[in-house]
Amino acid sequence: MSDTSKIAKNLQAFQMAVNSHDRENPTHDAYGIGLSAFDMDRLGLDEGERILPGITIHCDGGVSGNFRVLCNGEHDEDLEEAAEESEVVEAVSVRSGRQGADDGLDTIPPPSEW
């Protein structure tokens, strides 16, 4: 078993993250904390172990040293809506200067002919 002060600090961080998630996303709830297998072993936690009311530990293959709040909602909905509403703009390149100028650029072949 890991040192109790480490467990206490992690439980506090987990609770703060879950509270923050639930406050910012009222349409869905968190159900777990995702940890790497290394961190689960280091902290002495087991897969599916209940650490807070309604919150269980899950091995999610993430990066060691970080945890993730797992939830039953889609966080990409806002990004998809913004993408749908965004305006599509086509960029057109125009060479500045007067037409027919003898700048030597007319003699350079296009990249497809290199």
C-alpha atoms as a PDB file:
ATOM      1  CA  MET A   1       0.000   0.000   0.000  1.00  0.00           C
ATOM      2  CA  SER A   2       1.192   3.492  -0.778  1.00  0.00           C
ATOM      3  CA  ASP A   3       1.907   6.197   1.789  1.00  0.00           C
ATOM      4  CA  THR A   4      -1.372   7.577   3.197  1.00  0.00           C
ATOM      5  CA  SER A   5      -0.317  11.186   2.558  1.00  0.00           C
ATOM      6  CA  LYS A   6       0.100  10.373  -1.173  1.00  0.00           C
ATOM      7  CA  ILE A   7      -3.315   8.720  -1.254  1.00  0.00           C
ATOM      8  CA  ALA A   8      -4.892  11.671   0.578  1.00  0.00           C
ATOM      9  CA  LYS A   9      -3.378  14.210  -1.839  1.00  0.00           C
ATOM     10  CA  ASN A  10      -4.522  12.195  -4.847  1.00  0.00           C
ATOM     11  CA  LEU A  11      -8.041  11.741  -3.463  1.00  0.00           C
ATOM     12  CA  GLN A  12      -8.231  15.490  -2.907  1.00  0.00           C
ATOM     13  CA  ALA A  13      -7.077  16.148  -6.493  1.00  0.00           C
ATOM     14  CA  PHE A  14      -9.569  13.582  -7.835  1.00  0.00           C
ATOM     15  CA  GLN A  15     -12.440  15.171  -5.878  1.00  0.00           C
ATOM     16  CA  MET A  16     -11.530  18.678  -7.069  1.00  0.00           C
ATOM     17  CA  ALA A  17     -11.344  17.519 -10.700  1.00  0.00           C
ATOM     18  CA  VAL A  18     -14.676  15.680 -10.526  1.00  0.00           C
ATOM     19  CA  ASN A  19     -16.367  18.676  -8.875  1.00  0.00           C
ATOM     20  CA  SER A  20     -14.933  21.018 -11.510  1.00  0.00           C
ATOM     21  CA  HIS A  21     -16.068  18.726 -14.330  1.00  0.00           C
ATOM     22  CA  ASP A  22     -19.595  18.370 -12.961  1.00  0.00           C
ATOM     23  CA  ARG A  23     -19.886  22.118 -12.364  1.00  0.00           C
ATOM     24  CA  GLU A  24     -18.749  23.005 -15.910  1.00  0.00           C
ATOM     25  CA  ASN A  25     -20.739  20.199 -17.578  1.00  0.00           C
ATOM     26  CA  PRO A  26     -24.156  20.045 -15.892  1.00  0.00           C
ATOM     27  CA  THR A  27     -25.687  17.883 -18.641  1.00  0.00           C
ATOM     28  CA  HIS A  28     -23.678  14.787 -17.706  1.00  0.00           C
ATOM     29  CA  ASP A  29     -21.793  13.317 -14.764  1.00  0.00           C
ATOM     30  CA  ALA A  30     -18.365  11.873 -14.096  1.00  0.00           C
ATOM     31  CA  TYR A  31     -18.243   8.178 -13.215  1.00  0.00           C
ATOM     32  CA  GLY A  32     -14.537   7.489 -12.823  1.00  0.00           C
ATOM     33  CA  ILE A  33     -10.895   8.452 -12.818  1.00  0.00           C
ATOM     34  CA  GLY A  34      -8.605   7.155 -15.550  1.00  0.00           C
ATOM     35  CA  LEU A  35      -5.029   6.300 -14.574  1.00  0.00           C
ATOM     36  CA  SER A  36      -2.136   4.576 -16.293  1.00  0.00           C
ATOM     37  CA  ALA A  37      -1.403   1.020 -15.155  1.00  0.00           C
ATOM     38  CA  PHE A  38       1.896   2.217 -13.672  1.00  0.00           C
ATOM     39  CA  ASP A  39       0.173   4.862 -11.531  1.00  0.00           C
ATOM     40  CA  MET A  40      -2.469   2.383 -10.380  1.00  0.00           C
ATOM     41  CA  ASP A  41       0.274  -0.004  -9.217  1.00  0.00           C
ATOM     42  CA  ARG A  42       2.297   2.800  -7.644  1.00  0.00           C
ATOM     43  CA  LEU A  43      -0.692   4.028  -5.633  1.00  0.00           C
ATOM     44  CA  GLY A  44      -1.867   0.526  -4.758  1.00  0.00           C
ATOM     45  CA  LEU A  45      -5.258   0.950  -6.443  1.00  0.00           C
ATOM     46  CA  ASP A  46      -7.229  -1.746  -8.261  1.00  0.00           C
ATOM     47  CA  GLU A  47      -9.324  -1.556 -11.431  1.00  0.00           C
ATOM     48  CA  GLY A  48     -12.940  -0.788 -10.531  1.00  0.00           C
ATOM     49  CA  GLU A  49     -12.093   0.218  -6.955  1.00  0.00           C
ATOM     50  CA  ARG A  50     -14.537   2.790  -5.593  1.00  0.00           C
ATOM     51  CA  ILE A  51     -12.533   5.747  -4.277  1.00  0.00           C
ATOM     52  CA  LEU A  52     -15.240   8.409  -3.953  1.00  0.00           C
ATOM     53  CA  PRO A  53     -19.053   8.169  -3.939  1.00  0.00           C
ATOM     54  CA  GLY A  54     -19.989   7.136  -7.482  1.00  0.00           C
ATOM     55  CA  ILE A  55     -16.377   7.340  -8.717  1.00  0.00           C
ATOM     56  CA  THR A  56     -14.295   4.282  -9.585  1.00  0.00           C
ATOM     57  CA  ILE A  57     -10.708   3.824 -10.792  1.00  0.00           C
ATOM     58  CA  HIS A  58     -10.108   2.666 -14.377  1.00  0.00           C
ATOM     59  CA  CYS A  59      -6.948   1.823 -16.294  1.00  0.00           C
ATOM     60  CA  ASP A  60      -7.174   3.844 -19.497  1.00  0.00           C
ATOM     61  CA  GLY A  61      -3.661   3.583 -20.908  1.00  0.00           C
ATOM     62  CA  GLY A  62      -2.955   7.282 -20.509  1.00  0.00           C
ATOM     63  CA  VAL A  63       0.334   8.963 -19.706  1.00  0.00           C
ATOM     64  CA  SER A  64       1.915   8.260 -16.333  1.00  0.00           C
ATOM     65  CA  GLY A  65       1.706  11.109 -13.843  1.00  0.00           C
ATOM     66  CA  ASN A  66      -1.655  12.363 -15.129  1.00  0.00           C
ATOM     67  CA  PHE A  67      -5.239  11.360 -14.493  1.00  0.00           C
ATOM     68  CA  ARG A  68      -8.388  11.894 -16.487  1.00  0.00           C
ATOM     69  CA  VAL A  69     -11.974  12.434 -15.392  1.00  0.00           C
ATOM     70  CA  LEU A  70     -14.137   9.851 -17.165  1.00  0.00           C
ATOM     71  CA  CYS A  71     -17.731  10.808 -17.917  1.00  0.00           C
ATOM     72  CA  ASN A  72     -20.822   9.711 -19.809  1.00  0.00           C
ATOM     73  CA  GLY A  73     -21.066  12.805 -22.026  1.00  0.00           C
ATOM     74  CA  GLU A  74     -19.659  14.119 -25.271  1.00  0.00           C
ATOM     75  CA  HIS A  75     -17.319  17.073 -24.883  1.00  0.00           C
ATOM     76  CA  ASP A  76     -16.778  17.469 -28.636  1.00  0.00           C
ATOM     77  CA  GLU A  77     -20.362  18.631 -29.308  1.00  0.00           C
ATOM     78  CA  ASP A  78     -19.451  22.301 -28.826  1.00  0.00           C
ATOM     79  CA  LEU A  79     -16.485  21.979 -31.173  1.00  0.00           C
ATOM     80  CA  GLU A  80     -18.625  20.300 -33.842  1.00  0.00           C
ATOM     81  CA  GLU A  81     -21.288  23.019 -33.597  1.00  0.00           C
ATOM     82  CA  ALA A  82     -18.657  25.733 -33.932  1.00  0.00           C
ATOM     83  CA  ALA A  83     -17.192  24.003 -36.987  1.00  0.00           C
ATOM     84  CA  GLU A  84     -20.624  23.760 -38.627  1.00  0.00           C
ATOM     85  CA  GLU A  85     -21.329  27.438 -38.003  1.00  0.00           C
ATOM     86  CA  SER A  86     -17.939  28.671 -39.168  1.00  0.00           C
ATOM     87  CA  GLU A  87     -17.739  30.505 -42.459  1.00  0.00           C
ATOM     88  CA  VAL A  88     -15.771  28.899 -45.274  1.00  0.00           C
ATOM     89  CA  VAL A  89     -13.448  31.324 -47.002  1.00  0.00           C
ATOM     90  CA  GLU A  90     -11.465  30.511 -50.129  1.00  0.00           C
ATOM     91  CA  ALA A  91      -8.096  32.170 -50.489  1.00  0.00           C
ATOM     92  CA  VAL A  92      -7.023  33.344 -53.926  1.00  0.00           C
ATOM     93  CA  SER A  93      -3.437  34.274 -54.632  1.00  0.00           C
ATOM     94  CA  VAL A  94      -2.801  37.220 -56.914  1.00  0.00           C
ATOM     95  CA  ARG A  95       0.643  38.394 -57.968  1.00  0.00           C
ATOM     96  CA  SER A  96       1.071  42.055 -57.253  1.00  0.00           C
ATOM     97  CA  GLY A  97       2.544  44.425 -59.803  1.00  0.00           C
ATOM     98  CA  ARG A  98       1.541  45.374 -63.293  1.00  0.00           C
ATOM     99  CA  GLN A  99       0.612  42.749 -65.829  1.00  0.00           C
ATOM    100  CA  GLY A 100       3.169  41.968 -68.448  1.00  0.00           C
ATOM    101  CA  ALA A 101       6.026  43.270 -66.323  1.00  0.00           C
ATOM    102  CA  ASP A 102       9.407  41.832 -67.254  1.00  0.00           C
ATOM    103  CA  ASP A 103      10.298  40.511 -63.817  1.00  0.00           C
ATOM    104  CA  GLY A 104      11.638  37.169 -65.046  1.00  0.00           C
ATOM    105  CA  LEU A 105       8.968  35.154 -63.243  1.00  0.00           C
ATOM    106  CA  ASP A 106       7.308  34.129 -66.500  1.00  0.00           C
ATOM    107  CA  THR A 107      10.368  32.046 -67.424  1.00  0.00           C
ATOM    108  CA  ILE A 108      10.300  29.933 -64.246  1.00  0.00           C
ATOM    109  CA  PRO A 109       8.534  26.621 -64.904  1.00  0.00           C
ATOM    110  CA  PRO A 110       5.846  25.449 -62.499  1.00  0.00           C
ATOM    111  CA  PRO A 111       6.881  22.856 -59.866  1.00  0.00           C
ATOM    112  CA  SER A 112       5.170  20.085 -61.816  1.00  0.00           C
ATOM    113  CA  GLU A 113       7.750  20.557 -64.584  1.00  0.00           C
ATOM    114  CA  TRP A 114      10.857  20.510 -62.361  1.00  0.00           C
END
